[in-house]
C-alpha atoms as a PDB file:
ATOM      1  CA  MET A   1      74.585   0.943   1.368  1.00  0.00           C
ATOM      2  CA  ASN A   2      70.975   0.640   2.467  1.00  0.00           C
ATOM      3  CA  ILE A   3      70.608  -1.462   5.623  1.00  0.00           C
ATOM      4  CA  TRP A   4      66.768  -1.404   5.722  1.00  0.00           C
ATOM      5  CA  LEU A   5      64.484  -4.035   4.252  1.00  0.00           C
ATOM      6  CA  LYS A   6      62.081  -2.868   1.599  1.00  0.00           C
ATOM      7  CA  ASN A   7      58.352  -2.975   2.196  1.00  0.00           C
ATOM      8  CA  SER A   8      55.708  -4.025  -0.294  1.00  0.00           C
ATOM      9  CA  GLU A   9      55.950  -0.659  -2.048  1.00  0.00           C
ATOM     10  CA  GLY A  10      59.704  -0.915  -2.554  1.00  0.00           C
ATOM     11  CA  LYS A  11      60.602   1.771   0.062  1.00  0.00           C
ATOM     12  CA  ALA A  12      63.168   1.264   2.806  1.00  0.00           C
ATOM     13  CA  ASP A  13      61.342   0.474   6.053  1.00  0.00           C
ATOM     14  CA  ALA A  14      63.088   0.715   9.444  1.00  0.00           C
ATOM     15  CA  VAL A  15      60.170  -0.660  11.475  1.00  0.00           C
ATOM     16  CA  LEU A  16      59.900  -3.714   9.206  1.00  0.00           C
ATOM     17  CA  THR A  17      63.635  -4.342   9.533  1.00  0.00           C
ATOM     18  CA  LEU A  18      63.509  -4.134  13.318  1.00  0.00           C
ATOM     19  CA  ALA A  19      60.475  -6.459  13.455  1.00  0.00           C
ATOM     20  CA  VAL A  20      62.237  -9.067  11.285  1.00  0.00           C
ATOM     21  CA  ILE A  21      65.404  -8.848  13.379  1.00  0.00           C
ATOM     22  CA  SER A  22      63.485  -9.316  16.627  1.00  0.00           C
ATOM     23  CA  VAL A  23      61.623 -12.383  15.250  1.00  0.00           C
ATOM     24  CA  LEU A  24      64.872 -13.902  14.003  1.00  0.00           C
ATOM     25  CA  PHE A  25      66.551 -13.239  17.379  1.00  0.00           C
ATOM     26  CA  VAL A  26      63.772 -14.967  19.271  1.00  0.00           C
ATOM     27  CA  LEU A  27      63.905 -17.956  16.898  1.00  0.00           C
ATOM     28  CA  PHE A  28      67.662 -18.151  17.285  1.00  0.00           C
ATOM     29  CA  LYS A  29      67.342 -18.105  21.075  1.00  0.00           C
ATOM     30  CA  LEU A  30      64.711 -20.878  20.929  1.00  0.00           C
ATOM     31  CA  LEU A  31      66.912 -23.020  18.657  1.00  0.00           C
ATOM     32  CA  LEU A  32      69.897 -22.687  20.978  1.00  0.00           C
ATOM     33  CA  ALA A  33      67.867 -23.238  24.149  1.00  0.00           C
ATOM     34  CA  GLY A  34      68.544 -26.982  24.365  1.00  0.00           C
ATOM     35  CA  VAL A  35      72.058 -27.125  22.943  1.00  0.00           C
ATOM     36  CA  THR A  36      74.945 -28.046  25.230  1.00  0.00           C
ATOM     37  CA  ILE A  37      78.541 -28.734  24.290  1.00  0.00           C
ATOM     38  CA  THR A  38      80.974 -30.752  26.402  1.00  0.00           C
ATOM     39  CA  ILE A  39      84.604 -29.621  26.104  1.00  0.00           C
ATOM     40  CA  GLY A  40      86.739 -31.932  28.219  1.00  0.00           C
ATOM     41  CA  SER A  41      85.185 -31.866  31.646  1.00  0.00           C
ATOM     42  CA  LYS A  42      83.412 -28.570  31.122  1.00  0.00           C
ATOM     43  CA  ILE A  43      79.774 -28.346  29.942  1.00  0.00           C
ATOM     44  CA  VAL A  44      78.863 -25.234  28.018  1.00  0.00           C
ATOM     45  CA  ASN A  45      75.159 -24.370  27.668  1.00  0.00           C
ATOM     46  CA  LEU A  46      74.776 -22.255  24.490  1.00  0.00           C
ATOM     47  CA  GLY A  47      71.312 -20.985  25.172  1.00  0.00           C
ATOM     48  CA  VAL A  48      69.076 -20.307  28.087  1.00  0.00           C
ATOM     49  CA  THR A  49      65.385 -21.078  27.510  1.00  0.00           C
ATOM     50  CA  PRO A  50      63.689 -17.698  27.050  1.00  0.00           C
ATOM     51  CA  THR A  51      60.627 -17.130  29.143  1.00  0.00           C
ATOM     52  CA  ALA A  52      57.330 -15.730  27.924  1.00  0.00           C
ATOM     53  CA  ASP A  53      58.080 -12.299  29.340  1.00  0.00           C
ATOM     54  CA  VAL A  54      61.389 -12.084  27.446  1.00  0.00           C
ATOM     55  CA  ILE A  55      59.763 -13.135  24.185  1.00  0.00           C
ATOM     56  CA  GLY A  56      56.877 -10.710  24.761  1.00  0.00           C
ATOM     57  CA  SER A  57      59.185  -7.822  25.584  1.00  0.00           C
ATOM     58  CA  LEU A  58      61.044  -8.435  22.315  1.00  0.00           C
ATOM     59  CA  LEU A  59      58.153  -9.068  19.956  1.00  0.00           C
ATOM     60  CA  ALA A  60      55.296  -6.921  21.222  1.00  0.00           C
ATOM     61  CA  PRO A  61      56.847  -3.456  20.695  1.00  0.00           C
ATOM     62  CA  THR A  62      58.362  -4.153  17.275  1.00  0.00           C
ATOM     63  CA  LEU A  63      55.482  -6.064  15.778  1.00  0.00           C
ATOM     64  CA  GLY A  64      53.034  -3.617  17.408  1.00  0.00           C
ATOM     65  CA  ALA A  65      54.827  -0.666  15.860  1.00  0.00           C
ATOM     66  CA  TYR A  66      54.813  -2.322  12.450  1.00  0.00           C
ATOM     67  CA  VAL A  67      51.089  -3.085  12.579  1.00  0.00           C
ATOM     68  CA  ALA A  68      50.269   0.373  13.910  1.00  0.00           C
ATOM     69  CA  ARG A  69      52.245   1.994  11.092  1.00  0.00           C
ATOM     70  CA  ARG A  70      50.432  -0.127   8.447  1.00  0.00           C
ATOM     71  CA  LEU A  71      47.040   0.708   9.911  1.00  0.00           C
ATOM     72  CA  THR A  72      47.893   4.432  10.051  1.00  0.00           C
ATOM     73  CA  ASP A  73      48.989   4.345   6.423  1.00  0.00           C
ATOM     74  CA  ALA A  74      45.784   2.599   5.433  1.00  0.00           C
ATOM     75  CA  LYS A  75      43.621   5.035   7.467  1.00  0.00           C
ATOM     76  CA  TYR A  76      45.122   8.306   6.206  1.00  0.00           C
ATOM     77  CA  ASN A  77      46.290   7.361   2.676  1.00  0.00           C
ATOM     78  CA  GLY A  78      43.680   4.763   1.636  1.00  0.00           C
ATOM     79  CA  ASN A  79      44.222   1.128   0.796  1.00  0.00           C
ATOM     80  CA  GLY A  80      47.523   0.888   2.699  1.00  0.00           C
ATOM     81  CA  HIS A  81      49.460   2.807   0.060  1.00  0.00           C
ATOM     82  CA  THR A  82      51.702   5.552   1.261  1.00  0.00           C
ATOM     83  CA  LYS A  83      50.869   8.088  -1.389  1.00  0.00           C
ATOM     84  CA  PRO A  84      50.683  11.780  -0.406  1.00  0.00           C
ATOM     85  CA  ALA A  85      47.152  12.733   0.568  1.00  0.00           C
ATOM     86  CA  GLU A  86      45.234  14.777  -1.944  1.00  0.00           C
ATOM     87  CA  PRO A  87      44.517  18.345  -0.848  1.00  0.00           C
ATOM     88  CA  VAL A  88      40.922  19.001   0.167  1.00  0.00           C
ATOM     89  CA  ALA A  89      39.163  21.700  -1.797  1.00  0.00           C
ATOM     90  CA  PRO A  90      37.882  24.498   0.386  1.00  0.00           C
ATOM     91  CA  SER A  91      34.128  24.618   0.760  1.00  0.00           C
ATOM     92  CA  PRO A  92      32.403  27.775  -0.460  1.00  0.00           C
ATOM     93  CA  GLN A  93      31.475  30.162   2.293  1.00  0.00           C
ATOM     94  CA  GLN A  94      27.845  30.647   3.070  1.00  0.00           C
ATOM     95  CA  PRO A  95      26.660  34.234   2.877  1.00  0.00           C
ATOM     96  CA  LEU A  96      26.134  35.815   6.276  1.00  0.00           C
ATOM     97  CA  PRO A  97      22.538  36.581   7.252  1.00  0.00           C
ATOM     98  CA  PRO A  98      21.640  40.274   7.236  1.00  0.00           C
ATOM     99  CA  GLY A  99      22.435  42.146  10.396  1.00  0.00           C
ATOM    100  CA  VAL A 100      25.387  40.028  11.424  1.00  0.00           C
END
């Protein structure tokens, strides 16, 4: 069983999966932030309002890693596709000058 989401090329992508999970977690926390349930005389608060530092500490590393990976793929493999890089043909050596 494959637990990773697939990226646009159809390959399993751990960073994309973690980014999606972190976004869903933050949205879930925001949805539960104002919900309270009263059971008898007891009041249960289901969510605590997340502060900006909590949201930033969850989203910045995962989304930053995802964007960095996409930019790296685009830089080294061209057009964002993760194809193996083509080998570079060696350049012909220049003849050495006489006396060297």
